[in-house]
């Protein structure tokens, strides 16, 4: 619900910007939509504290809202400010798909660690080019879809668990093998880059 309020928030006067950064703030978020607000920023704060240094979105209201609620030092509508910030060593790219490949290449060239939401691009040729740029830069990169096949498998296995006994899968969830549950948590574990 908070993410829905975030997406509708508009400021008559923008809140203060360029505040002192929290000690250890080193992550920049590019794209401050509902997912970035409700999942990415929430996860980072809950598990690592105030690590978000800068927030960027094409809609300044989204950037200001996320920065204010998660105590980032600044917000901007210019991705280059995040990419060029020497205090930021990890960048989360959660903007619209058509911007991912360009931002990924620029962040890699700047030596940033990168978490890019899926997909990198809709063109396989551009995806290949991006991967070469990241490899050339020698920076770690993680794409958000990396755990989706395992999560899909876990959902499928849970949904079909107990079918041999004639019970519906949903009712059988309580008797599903314990090893299935960590598959749901794998997506959270993959973000330890930050």
N, C-alpha and C. Protein backbone atom coordinates (compact mmCIF):
# COMPACT_ATOMS: atom_id res chain seq x y z
N UNK A 1 0.83 -1.18 0.00
CA UNK A 1 0.00 0.00 0.00
C UNK A 1 0.87 1.24 0.00
N UNK A 2 1.96 1.22 0.75
CA UNK A 2 2.84 2.39 0.80
C UNK A 2 3.38 2.72 -0.59
N UNK A 3 3.65 1.68 -1.39
CA UNK A 3 4.14 1.92 -2.75
C UNK A 3 3.12 2.62 -3.62
N UNK A 4 1.84 2.34 -3.39
CA UNK A 4 0.79 3.03 -4.15
C UNK A 4 0.73 4.50 -3.78
N UNK A 5 0.87 4.81 -2.49
CA UNK A 5 0.92 6.21 -2.08
C UNK A 5 2.15 6.90 -2.68
N UNK A 6 3.26 6.18 -2.66
CA UNK A 6 4.49 6.71 -3.24
C UNK A 6 4.29 7.09 -4.71
N UNK A 7 3.65 6.23 -5.47
CA UNK A 7 3.46 6.47 -6.90
C UNK A 7 2.52 7.64 -7.17
N UNK A 8 1.65 7.95 -6.24
CA UNK A 8 0.70 9.06 -6.42
C UNK A 8 1.18 10.36 -5.77
N UNK A 9 2.25 10.30 -5.01
CA UNK A 9 2.72 11.48 -4.27
C UNK A 9 3.24 12.54 -5.22
N UNK A 10 2.76 13.74 -5.03
CA UNK A 10 3.30 14.90 -5.76
C UNK A 10 3.58 16.00 -4.73
N UNK A 11 4.62 16.73 -4.97
CA UNK A 11 5.03 17.77 -4.03
C UNK A 11 4.75 19.15 -4.63
N UNK A 12 4.04 19.99 -3.89
CA UNK A 12 3.86 21.38 -4.33
C UNK A 12 5.21 22.08 -4.28
N UNK A 13 5.95 21.79 -3.24
CA UNK A 13 7.33 22.27 -3.09
C UNK A 13 8.17 21.05 -2.79
N UNK A 14 9.21 20.83 -3.58
CA UNK A 14 10.06 19.65 -3.38
C UNK A 14 10.74 19.70 -2.01
N UNK A 15 10.90 18.53 -1.38
CA UNK A 15 11.57 18.49 -0.07
C UNK A 15 13.06 18.83 -0.20
N UNK A 16 13.70 19.10 0.92
CA UNK A 16 15.14 19.42 0.89
C UNK A 16 15.94 18.33 0.18
N UNK A 17 16.96 18.74 -0.52
CA UNK A 17 17.80 17.82 -1.27
C UNK A 17 19.24 18.00 -0.81
N UNK A 18 20.10 17.08 -1.18
CA UNK A 18 21.52 17.15 -0.84
C UNK A 18 21.75 17.24 0.66
N UNK A 19 21.20 16.27 1.36
CA UNK A 19 21.40 16.16 2.80
C UNK A 19 22.68 15.40 3.07
N UNK A 20 23.19 15.46 4.28
CA UNK A 20 24.37 14.65 4.60
C UNK A 20 24.04 13.16 4.45
N UNK A 21 24.95 12.44 3.85
CA UNK A 21 24.75 11.01 3.64
C UNK A 21 25.00 10.24 4.93
N UNK A 22 24.25 9.17 5.11
CA UNK A 22 24.49 8.28 6.24
C UNK A 22 25.84 7.60 6.06
N UNK A 23 26.48 7.28 7.15
CA UNK A 23 27.74 6.54 7.07
C UNK A 23 27.47 5.21 6.38
N UNK A 24 28.24 4.88 5.40
CA UNK A 24 28.06 3.62 4.69
C UNK A 24 27.07 3.67 3.53
N UNK A 25 26.51 4.84 3.24
CA UNK A 25 25.59 4.96 2.11
C UNK A 25 26.40 4.91 0.82
N UNK A 26 26.16 3.88 0.01
CA UNK A 26 26.99 3.68 -1.18
C UNK A 26 26.21 3.14 -2.38
N UNK A 27 24.88 3.07 -2.28
CA UNK A 27 24.05 2.52 -3.34
C UNK A 27 23.26 3.63 -4.01
N UNK A 28 23.22 3.59 -5.34
CA UNK A 28 22.38 4.50 -6.11
C UNK A 28 21.26 3.73 -6.77
N UNK A 29 20.06 4.28 -6.74
CA UNK A 29 18.91 3.64 -7.38
C UNK A 29 18.49 4.50 -8.57
N UNK A 30 18.46 3.88 -9.74
CA UNK A 30 18.01 4.55 -10.96
C UNK A 30 16.67 3.93 -11.34
N UNK A 31 15.63 4.72 -11.22
CA UNK A 31 14.27 4.24 -11.44
C UNK A 31 13.60 4.03 -10.10
N UNK A 32 12.72 4.95 -9.72
CA UNK A 32 12.13 4.93 -8.38
C UNK A 32 10.63 4.65 -8.42
N UNK A 33 10.23 3.67 -9.22
CA UNK A 33 8.83 3.29 -9.30
C UNK A 33 8.40 2.45 -8.11
N UNK A 34 7.24 1.84 -8.23
CA UNK A 34 6.66 1.07 -7.15
C UNK A 34 7.55 -0.09 -6.73
N UNK A 35 8.12 -0.82 -7.68
CA UNK A 35 8.96 -1.97 -7.34
C UNK A 35 10.23 -1.51 -6.61
N UNK A 36 10.85 -0.46 -7.11
CA UNK A 36 12.05 0.05 -6.45
C UNK A 36 11.74 0.50 -5.03
N UNK A 37 10.60 1.14 -4.86
CA UNK A 37 10.21 1.65 -3.55
C UNK A 37 9.83 0.51 -2.60
N UNK A 38 8.92 -0.34 -3.07
CA UNK A 38 8.32 -1.36 -2.20
C UNK A 38 9.18 -2.59 -1.98
N UNK A 39 10.05 -2.90 -2.91
CA UNK A 39 10.84 -4.13 -2.80
C UNK A 39 12.33 -3.82 -2.63
N UNK A 40 12.92 -3.14 -3.59
CA UNK A 40 14.37 -2.94 -3.57
C UNK A 40 14.81 -2.07 -2.40
N UNK A 41 14.26 -0.86 -2.29
CA UNK A 41 14.68 0.05 -1.22
C UNK A 41 14.30 -0.52 0.15
N UNK A 42 13.13 -1.12 0.23
CA UNK A 42 12.70 -1.72 1.49
C UNK A 42 13.67 -2.82 1.92
N UNK A 43 14.01 -3.70 0.99
CA UNK A 43 14.94 -4.80 1.29
C UNK A 43 16.29 -4.26 1.73
N UNK A 44 16.81 -3.29 1.00
CA UNK A 44 18.12 -2.74 1.34
C UNK A 44 18.11 -2.14 2.75
N UNK A 45 17.10 -1.33 3.04
CA UNK A 45 17.05 -0.70 4.37
C UNK A 45 16.87 -1.74 5.47
N UNK A 46 15.98 -2.67 5.25
CA UNK A 46 15.69 -3.67 6.29
C UNK A 46 16.91 -4.54 6.59
N UNK A 47 17.67 -4.90 5.56
CA UNK A 47 18.78 -5.83 5.74
C UNK A 47 20.15 -5.18 5.90
N UNK A 48 20.30 -3.94 5.41
CA UNK A 48 21.62 -3.32 5.45
C UNK A 48 21.62 -1.93 6.05
N UNK A 49 20.48 -1.40 6.41
CA UNK A 49 20.40 -0.06 6.99
C UNK A 49 20.34 1.02 5.91
N UNK A 50 20.81 2.18 6.25
CA UNK A 50 20.72 3.34 5.35
C UNK A 50 21.86 3.32 4.34
N UNK A 51 21.79 2.42 3.36
CA UNK A 51 22.85 2.30 2.36
C UNK A 51 22.55 3.06 1.07
N UNK A 52 21.33 3.56 0.93
CA UNK A 52 20.97 4.27 -0.30
C UNK A 52 21.47 5.70 -0.22
N UNK A 53 22.34 6.05 -1.15
CA UNK A 53 22.92 7.39 -1.18
C UNK A 53 22.15 8.32 -2.11
N UNK A 54 21.81 7.86 -3.30
CA UNK A 54 21.14 8.71 -4.27
C UNK A 54 20.03 7.99 -4.99
N UNK A 55 18.99 8.75 -5.38
CA UNK A 55 17.83 8.21 -6.08
C UNK A 55 17.59 9.03 -7.34
N UNK A 56 17.35 8.34 -8.45
CA UNK A 56 17.08 9.02 -9.71
C UNK A 56 15.81 8.47 -10.33
N UNK A 57 14.99 9.36 -10.84
CA UNK A 57 13.82 8.97 -11.62
C UNK A 57 13.50 10.11 -12.58
N UNK A 58 12.91 9.77 -13.72
CA UNK A 58 12.51 10.80 -14.68
C UNK A 58 11.42 11.69 -14.08
N UNK A 59 10.64 11.14 -13.14
CA UNK A 59 9.64 11.91 -12.41
C UNK A 59 10.26 12.32 -11.07
N UNK A 60 10.54 13.59 -10.91
CA UNK A 60 11.22 14.06 -9.71
C UNK A 60 10.42 13.75 -8.45
N UNK A 61 9.10 13.66 -8.55
CA UNK A 61 8.29 13.32 -7.37
C UNK A 61 8.60 11.91 -6.87
N UNK A 62 8.79 10.97 -7.79
CA UNK A 62 9.13 9.60 -7.39
C UNK A 62 10.51 9.56 -6.75
N UNK A 63 11.46 10.26 -7.34
CA UNK A 63 12.82 10.29 -6.78
C UNK A 63 12.83 10.94 -5.40
N UNK A 64 12.13 12.06 -5.25
CA UNK A 64 12.09 12.76 -3.96
C UNK A 64 11.37 11.93 -2.90
N UNK A 65 10.31 11.25 -3.29
CA UNK A 65 9.56 10.42 -2.35
C UNK A 65 10.41 9.28 -1.82
N UNK A 66 11.07 8.55 -2.73
CA UNK A 66 11.90 7.43 -2.29
C UNK A 66 13.08 7.93 -1.45
N UNK A 67 13.70 9.00 -1.89
CA UNK A 67 14.85 9.55 -1.14
C UNK A 67 14.43 9.97 0.26
N UNK A 68 13.27 10.61 0.38
CA UNK A 68 12.82 11.06 1.69
C UNK A 68 12.45 9.92 2.61
N UNK A 69 11.69 8.96 2.09
CA UNK A 69 11.23 7.85 2.93
C UNK A 69 12.35 6.90 3.32
N UNK A 70 13.38 6.79 2.48
CA UNK A 70 14.48 5.87 2.77
C UNK A 70 15.77 6.61 3.15
N UNK A 71 15.67 7.89 3.43
CA UNK A 71 16.75 8.73 3.94
C UNK A 71 18.00 8.75 3.07
N UNK A 72 17.78 8.84 1.75
CA UNK A 72 18.93 8.98 0.84
C UNK A 72 19.45 10.41 0.93
N UNK A 73 20.70 10.61 0.59
CA UNK A 73 21.30 11.94 0.67
C UNK A 73 20.74 12.88 -0.38
N UNK A 74 20.40 12.35 -1.56
CA UNK A 74 19.89 13.24 -2.61
C UNK A 74 19.01 12.50 -3.59
N UNK A 75 18.27 13.29 -4.36
CA UNK A 75 17.45 12.77 -5.46
C UNK A 75 17.72 13.64 -6.69
N UNK A 76 17.47 13.05 -7.85
CA UNK A 76 17.78 13.74 -9.10
C UNK A 76 16.96 13.17 -10.24
N UNK A 77 16.90 13.90 -11.33
CA UNK A 77 16.30 13.37 -12.57
C UNK A 77 17.39 13.04 -13.58
N UNK A 78 18.65 13.14 -13.17
CA UNK A 78 19.79 12.92 -14.05
C UNK A 78 20.55 11.65 -13.63
N UNK A 79 20.45 10.60 -14.42
CA UNK A 79 21.13 9.35 -14.10
C UNK A 79 22.64 9.53 -14.00
N UNK A 80 23.17 10.45 -14.75
CA UNK A 80 24.62 10.66 -14.73
C UNK A 80 25.12 11.08 -13.35
N UNK A 81 24.29 11.78 -12.59
CA UNK A 81 24.70 12.17 -11.24
C UNK A 81 24.93 10.93 -10.38
N UNK A 82 24.08 9.93 -10.51
CA UNK A 82 24.25 8.67 -9.76
C UNK A 82 25.49 7.94 -10.26
N UNK A 83 25.61 7.81 -11.57
CA UNK A 83 26.71 7.05 -12.16
C UNK A 83 28.06 7.70 -11.88
N UNK A 84 28.12 9.03 -11.88
CA UNK A 84 29.38 9.74 -11.68
C UNK A 84 29.74 9.95 -10.21
N UNK A 85 28.85 9.67 -9.31
CA UNK A 85 29.09 9.90 -7.88
C UNK A 85 30.16 8.93 -7.38
N UNK A 86 31.32 9.44 -6.97
CA UNK A 86 32.40 8.56 -6.53
C UNK A 86 32.08 7.81 -5.23
N UNK A 87 31.11 8.28 -4.46
CA UNK A 87 30.74 7.60 -3.21
C UNK A 87 29.79 6.44 -3.46
N UNK A 88 29.26 6.34 -4.68
CA UNK A 88 28.37 5.23 -5.02
C UNK A 88 29.19 4.17 -5.74
N UNK A 89 29.20 2.95 -5.18
CA UNK A 89 29.93 1.86 -5.83
C UNK A 89 28.99 0.77 -6.35
N UNK A 90 27.71 0.86 -6.02
CA UNK A 90 26.73 -0.11 -6.48
C UNK A 90 25.50 0.62 -7.01
N UNK A 91 25.05 0.23 -8.19
CA UNK A 91 23.91 0.88 -8.82
C UNK A 91 22.82 -0.16 -9.07
N UNK A 92 21.60 0.19 -8.69
CA UNK A 92 20.43 -0.62 -8.99
C UNK A 92 19.71 0.05 -10.15
N UNK A 93 19.53 -0.67 -11.24
CA UNK A 93 18.83 -0.13 -12.40
C UNK A 93 17.43 -0.75 -12.41
N UNK A 94 16.45 0.08 -12.06
CA UNK A 94 15.05 -0.37 -11.98
C UNK A 94 14.16 0.56 -12.80
N UNK A 95 14.73 1.18 -13.80
CA UNK A 95 14.00 2.10 -14.66
C UNK A 95 13.24 1.32 -15.73
N UNK A 96 12.65 2.02 -16.68
CA UNK A 96 11.92 1.32 -17.75
C UNK A 96 12.89 0.53 -18.62
N UNK A 97 12.40 -0.56 -19.17
CA UNK A 97 13.23 -1.49 -19.94
C UNK A 97 14.03 -0.81 -21.04
N UNK A 98 13.45 0.16 -21.71
CA UNK A 98 14.14 0.79 -22.83
C UNK A 98 15.37 1.59 -22.41
N UNK A 99 15.57 1.79 -21.12
CA UNK A 99 16.76 2.52 -20.63
C UNK A 99 17.83 1.60 -20.07
N UNK A 100 17.51 0.34 -19.82
CA UNK A 100 18.43 -0.56 -19.11
C UNK A 100 19.79 -0.70 -19.79
N UNK A 101 19.81 -1.00 -21.08
CA UNK A 101 21.09 -1.31 -21.72
C UNK A 101 22.02 -0.10 -21.73
N UNK A 102 21.50 1.07 -21.98
CA UNK A 102 22.34 2.27 -21.97
C UNK A 102 22.88 2.53 -20.57
N UNK A 103 22.01 2.48 -19.57
CA UNK A 103 22.44 2.74 -18.19
C UNK A 103 23.42 1.67 -17.71
N UNK A 104 23.17 0.42 -18.08
CA UNK A 104 24.05 -0.66 -17.69
C UNK A 104 25.46 -0.44 -18.26
N UNK A 105 25.54 -0.08 -19.53
CA UNK A 105 26.84 0.18 -20.15
C UNK A 105 27.56 1.34 -19.49
N UNK A 106 26.83 2.41 -19.20
CA UNK A 106 27.44 3.58 -18.56
C UNK A 106 27.91 3.27 -17.14
N UNK A 107 27.09 2.52 -16.39
CA UNK A 107 27.48 2.16 -15.02
C UNK A 107 28.69 1.23 -15.02
N UNK A 108 28.74 0.29 -15.95
CA UNK A 108 29.89 -0.61 -16.05
C UNK A 108 31.15 0.17 -16.38
N UNK A 109 31.05 1.08 -17.34
CA UNK A 109 32.22 1.89 -17.72
C UNK A 109 32.72 2.74 -16.55
N UNK A 110 31.80 3.10 -15.65
CA UNK A 110 32.18 3.89 -14.47
C UNK A 110 32.69 3.02 -13.33
N UNK A 111 32.71 1.69 -13.53
CA UNK A 111 33.25 0.79 -12.52
C UNK A 111 32.29 0.44 -11.39
N UNK A 112 31.01 0.64 -11.60
CA UNK A 112 30.02 0.36 -10.55
C UNK A 112 29.62 -1.11 -10.55
N UNK A 113 29.30 -1.64 -9.39
CA UNK A 113 28.67 -2.94 -9.26
C UNK A 113 27.23 -2.71 -9.68
N UNK A 114 26.62 -3.68 -10.39
CA UNK A 114 25.32 -3.43 -11.00
C UNK A 114 24.32 -4.53 -10.68
N UNK A 115 23.14 -4.11 -10.25
CA UNK A 115 21.97 -4.98 -10.21
C UNK A 115 20.99 -4.37 -11.20
N UNK A 116 20.66 -5.10 -12.25
CA UNK A 116 19.75 -4.60 -13.28
C UNK A 116 18.49 -5.44 -13.26
N UNK A 117 17.36 -4.77 -13.14
CA UNK A 117 16.09 -5.50 -13.22
C UNK A 117 15.94 -6.10 -14.60
N UNK A 118 15.17 -7.16 -14.70
CA UNK A 118 14.94 -7.83 -15.97
C UNK A 118 14.04 -7.01 -16.87
N UNK A 119 14.12 -7.13 -18.14
CA UNK A 119 15.22 -7.68 -18.91
C UNK A 119 16.27 -6.60 -19.15
N UNK A 120 17.45 -7.03 -19.57
CA UNK A 120 18.49 -6.05 -19.91
C UNK A 120 18.04 -5.23 -21.10
N UNK A 121 17.49 -5.89 -22.10
CA UNK A 121 17.02 -5.21 -23.33
C UNK A 121 16.10 -6.18 -24.05
N UNK A 122 15.32 -5.67 -24.98
CA UNK A 122 14.45 -6.55 -25.78
C UNK A 122 15.17 -7.09 -27.00
N UNK A 123 16.35 -6.55 -27.29
CA UNK A 123 17.15 -7.01 -28.42
C UNK A 123 18.28 -7.91 -27.92
N UNK A 124 18.35 -9.12 -28.42
CA UNK A 124 19.43 -10.03 -28.00
C UNK A 124 20.79 -9.50 -28.40
N UNK A 125 20.86 -8.82 -29.53
CA UNK A 125 22.15 -8.24 -29.95
C UNK A 125 22.60 -7.20 -28.93
N UNK A 126 21.67 -6.38 -28.43
CA UNK A 126 22.03 -5.36 -27.45
C UNK A 126 22.38 -6.01 -26.10
N UNK A 127 21.71 -7.08 -25.75
CA UNK A 127 22.05 -7.81 -24.52
C UNK A 127 23.48 -8.33 -24.62
N UNK A 128 23.83 -8.95 -25.75
CA UNK A 128 25.19 -9.44 -25.94
C UNK A 128 26.21 -8.32 -25.83
N UNK A 129 25.91 -7.18 -26.44
CA UNK A 129 26.81 -6.02 -26.39
C UNK A 129 26.98 -5.54 -24.95
N UNK A 130 25.89 -5.50 -24.20
CA UNK A 130 25.96 -5.07 -22.79
C UNK A 130 26.82 -6.02 -21.97
N UNK A 131 26.63 -7.31 -22.18
CA UNK A 131 27.41 -8.29 -21.43
C UNK A 131 28.90 -8.16 -21.74
N UNK A 132 29.22 -7.86 -22.99
CA UNK A 132 30.63 -7.63 -23.34
C UNK A 132 31.17 -6.38 -22.66
N UNK A 133 30.35 -5.33 -22.57
CA UNK A 133 30.77 -4.10 -21.89
C UNK A 133 31.04 -4.38 -20.41
N UNK A 134 30.17 -5.15 -19.78
CA UNK A 134 30.34 -5.48 -18.37
C UNK A 134 31.59 -6.34 -18.18
N UNK A 135 31.78 -7.31 -19.05
CA UNK A 135 32.96 -8.17 -18.97
C UNK A 135 34.24 -7.35 -19.15
N UNK A 136 34.23 -6.45 -20.11
CA UNK A 136 35.39 -5.59 -20.37
C UNK A 136 35.70 -4.71 -19.15
N UNK A 137 34.65 -4.21 -18.51
CA UNK A 137 34.84 -3.35 -17.34
C UNK A 137 35.26 -4.15 -16.11
N UNK A 138 34.97 -5.44 -16.11
CA UNK A 138 35.35 -6.29 -14.99
C UNK A 138 34.57 -6.02 -13.71
N UNK A 139 33.31 -5.61 -13.85
CA UNK A 139 32.50 -5.31 -12.67
C UNK A 139 31.47 -6.41 -12.45
N UNK A 140 31.08 -6.65 -11.20
CA UNK A 140 30.04 -7.64 -10.94
C UNK A 140 28.68 -7.11 -11.39
N UNK A 141 27.87 -7.99 -11.96
CA UNK A 141 26.54 -7.61 -12.39
C UNK A 141 25.58 -8.77 -12.11
N UNK A 142 24.38 -8.43 -11.70
CA UNK A 142 23.35 -9.42 -11.46
C UNK A 142 22.08 -8.91 -12.14
N UNK A 143 21.40 -9.79 -12.84
CA UNK A 143 20.14 -9.43 -13.50
C UNK A 143 19.00 -9.99 -12.66
N UNK A 144 17.96 -9.19 -12.47
CA UNK A 144 16.86 -9.55 -11.59
C UNK A 144 16.15 -10.83 -11.92
N UNK A 145 16.20 -11.30 -13.13
CA UNK A 145 15.47 -12.50 -13.49
C UNK A 145 16.21 -13.78 -13.14
N UNK A 146 17.38 -13.69 -12.58
CA UNK A 146 18.21 -14.87 -12.36
C UNK A 146 17.54 -15.92 -11.47
N UNK A 147 16.69 -15.50 -10.55
CA UNK A 147 16.07 -16.48 -9.67
C UNK A 147 14.67 -16.88 -10.12
N UNK A 148 14.12 -16.25 -11.14
CA UNK A 148 12.76 -16.56 -11.55
C UNK A 148 12.55 -18.02 -11.95
N UNK A 149 13.47 -18.66 -12.67
CA UNK A 149 13.23 -20.08 -12.97
C UNK A 149 13.12 -20.94 -11.72
N UNK A 150 13.93 -20.66 -10.72
CA UNK A 150 13.85 -21.44 -9.48
C UNK A 150 12.56 -21.14 -8.73
N UNK A 151 12.15 -19.86 -8.72
CA UNK A 151 10.90 -19.52 -8.06
C UNK A 151 9.72 -20.17 -8.78
N UNK A 152 9.78 -20.17 -10.11
CA UNK A 152 8.72 -20.81 -10.89
C UNK A 152 8.67 -22.30 -10.56
N UNK A 153 9.85 -22.93 -10.50
CA UNK A 153 9.92 -24.35 -10.16
C UNK A 153 9.31 -24.61 -8.78
N UNK A 154 9.64 -23.76 -7.82
CA UNK A 154 9.09 -23.93 -6.48
C UNK A 154 7.57 -23.80 -6.47
N UNK A 155 7.06 -22.82 -7.20
CA UNK A 155 5.61 -22.65 -7.28
C UNK A 155 4.98 -23.87 -7.93
N UNK A 156 5.58 -24.34 -9.02
CA UNK A 156 5.06 -25.52 -9.72
C UNK A 156 5.06 -26.74 -8.81
N UNK A 157 6.16 -26.95 -8.10
CA UNK A 157 6.25 -28.11 -7.22
C UNK A 157 5.26 -28.01 -6.06
N UNK A 158 5.10 -26.80 -5.50
CA UNK A 158 4.14 -26.64 -4.42
C UNK A 158 2.71 -26.86 -4.92
N UNK A 159 2.44 -26.37 -6.13
CA UNK A 159 1.09 -26.50 -6.67
C UNK A 159 0.74 -27.95 -6.96
N UNK A 160 1.75 -28.76 -7.27
CA UNK A 160 1.47 -30.16 -7.61
C UNK A 160 1.77 -31.12 -6.47
N UNK A 161 2.32 -30.64 -5.37
CA UNK A 161 2.63 -31.51 -4.23
C UNK A 161 1.35 -32.15 -3.72
N UNK A 162 1.38 -33.42 -3.47
CA UNK A 162 0.22 -34.12 -2.93
C UNK A 162 -0.72 -34.66 -3.98
N UNK A 163 -0.44 -34.39 -5.26
CA UNK A 163 -1.35 -34.87 -6.30
C UNK A 163 -1.43 -36.39 -6.33
N UNK A 164 -0.31 -37.06 -5.98
CA UNK A 164 -0.34 -38.52 -6.01
C UNK A 164 -1.34 -39.07 -5.00
N UNK A 165 -1.64 -38.31 -3.97
CA UNK A 165 -2.63 -38.76 -2.98
C UNK A 165 -4.03 -38.30 -3.34
N UNK A 166 -4.17 -37.57 -4.47
CA UNK A 166 -5.47 -37.12 -4.91
C UNK A 166 -5.89 -35.79 -4.31
N UNK A 167 -5.04 -35.20 -3.45
CA UNK A 167 -5.37 -33.91 -2.84
C UNK A 167 -4.91 -32.79 -3.77
N UNK A 168 -5.62 -31.66 -3.79
CA UNK A 168 -5.16 -30.53 -4.60
C UNK A 168 -3.85 -29.97 -4.04
N UNK A 169 -3.04 -29.45 -4.95
CA UNK A 169 -1.72 -28.95 -4.56
C UNK A 169 -1.77 -27.86 -3.52
N UNK A 170 -2.73 -26.95 -3.61
CA UNK A 170 -2.80 -25.84 -2.66
C UNK A 170 -3.02 -26.38 -1.26
N UNK A 171 -3.88 -27.36 -1.12
CA UNK A 171 -4.15 -27.95 0.20
C UNK A 171 -2.92 -28.70 0.71
N UNK A 172 -2.09 -29.18 -0.20
CA UNK A 172 -0.93 -29.97 0.19
C UNK A 172 0.28 -29.12 0.55
N UNK A 173 0.16 -27.80 0.45
CA UNK A 173 1.32 -26.95 0.72
C UNK A 173 1.90 -27.18 2.10
N UNK A 174 1.07 -27.46 3.08
CA UNK A 174 1.57 -27.66 4.43
C UNK A 174 2.39 -28.93 4.54
N UNK A 175 2.23 -29.86 3.59
CA UNK A 175 3.01 -31.08 3.61
C UNK A 175 4.09 -31.10 2.53
N UNK A 176 4.33 -29.95 1.89
CA UNK A 176 5.35 -29.88 0.85
C UNK A 176 6.72 -30.09 1.49
N UNK A 177 7.65 -30.67 0.75
CA UNK A 177 8.99 -30.89 1.30
C UNK A 177 9.62 -29.58 1.76
N UNK A 178 10.30 -29.62 2.88
CA UNK A 178 10.90 -28.42 3.46
C UNK A 178 11.92 -27.77 2.54
N UNK A 179 12.55 -28.53 1.65
CA UNK A 179 13.57 -27.97 0.78
C UNK A 179 12.99 -27.03 -0.27
N UNK A 180 11.65 -27.02 -0.46
CA UNK A 180 11.06 -26.12 -1.44
C UNK A 180 11.06 -24.67 -0.97
N UNK A 181 10.89 -24.46 0.31
CA UNK A 181 10.73 -23.11 0.84
C UNK A 181 11.96 -22.23 0.55
N UNK A 182 13.20 -22.71 0.69
CA UNK A 182 14.34 -21.84 0.39
C UNK A 182 14.37 -21.34 -1.05
N UNK A 183 13.72 -22.05 -1.97
CA UNK A 183 13.70 -21.57 -3.34
C UNK A 183 12.99 -20.22 -3.44
N UNK A 184 11.97 -20.00 -2.58
CA UNK A 184 11.28 -18.73 -2.57
C UNK A 184 12.19 -17.61 -2.06
N UNK A 185 13.09 -17.96 -1.18
CA UNK A 185 13.96 -16.96 -0.57
C UNK A 185 15.23 -16.70 -1.38
N UNK A 186 15.46 -17.48 -2.40
CA UNK A 186 16.69 -17.36 -3.19
C UNK A 186 16.83 -15.98 -3.80
N UNK A 187 15.74 -15.39 -4.25
CA UNK A 187 15.80 -14.06 -4.84
C UNK A 187 16.36 -13.04 -3.87
N UNK A 188 16.02 -13.16 -2.60
CA UNK A 188 16.55 -12.23 -1.60
C UNK A 188 18.04 -12.48 -1.38
N UNK A 189 18.44 -13.74 -1.41
CA UNK A 189 19.85 -14.07 -1.17
C UNK A 189 20.74 -13.55 -2.29
N UNK A 190 20.21 -13.42 -3.50
CA UNK A 190 21.04 -13.01 -4.61
C UNK A 190 21.41 -11.54 -4.55
N UNK A 191 20.78 -10.77 -3.69
CA UNK A 191 21.10 -9.34 -3.62
C UNK A 191 22.17 -9.03 -2.58
N UNK A 192 22.89 -10.03 -2.11
CA UNK A 192 23.94 -9.78 -1.14
C UNK A 192 25.12 -9.02 -1.72
N UNK A 193 25.05 -8.72 -3.00
CA UNK A 193 26.06 -7.87 -3.65
C UNK A 193 26.18 -6.54 -2.93
N UNK A 194 25.10 -6.10 -2.32
CA UNK A 194 25.08 -4.80 -1.67
C UNK A 194 25.46 -4.92 -0.22
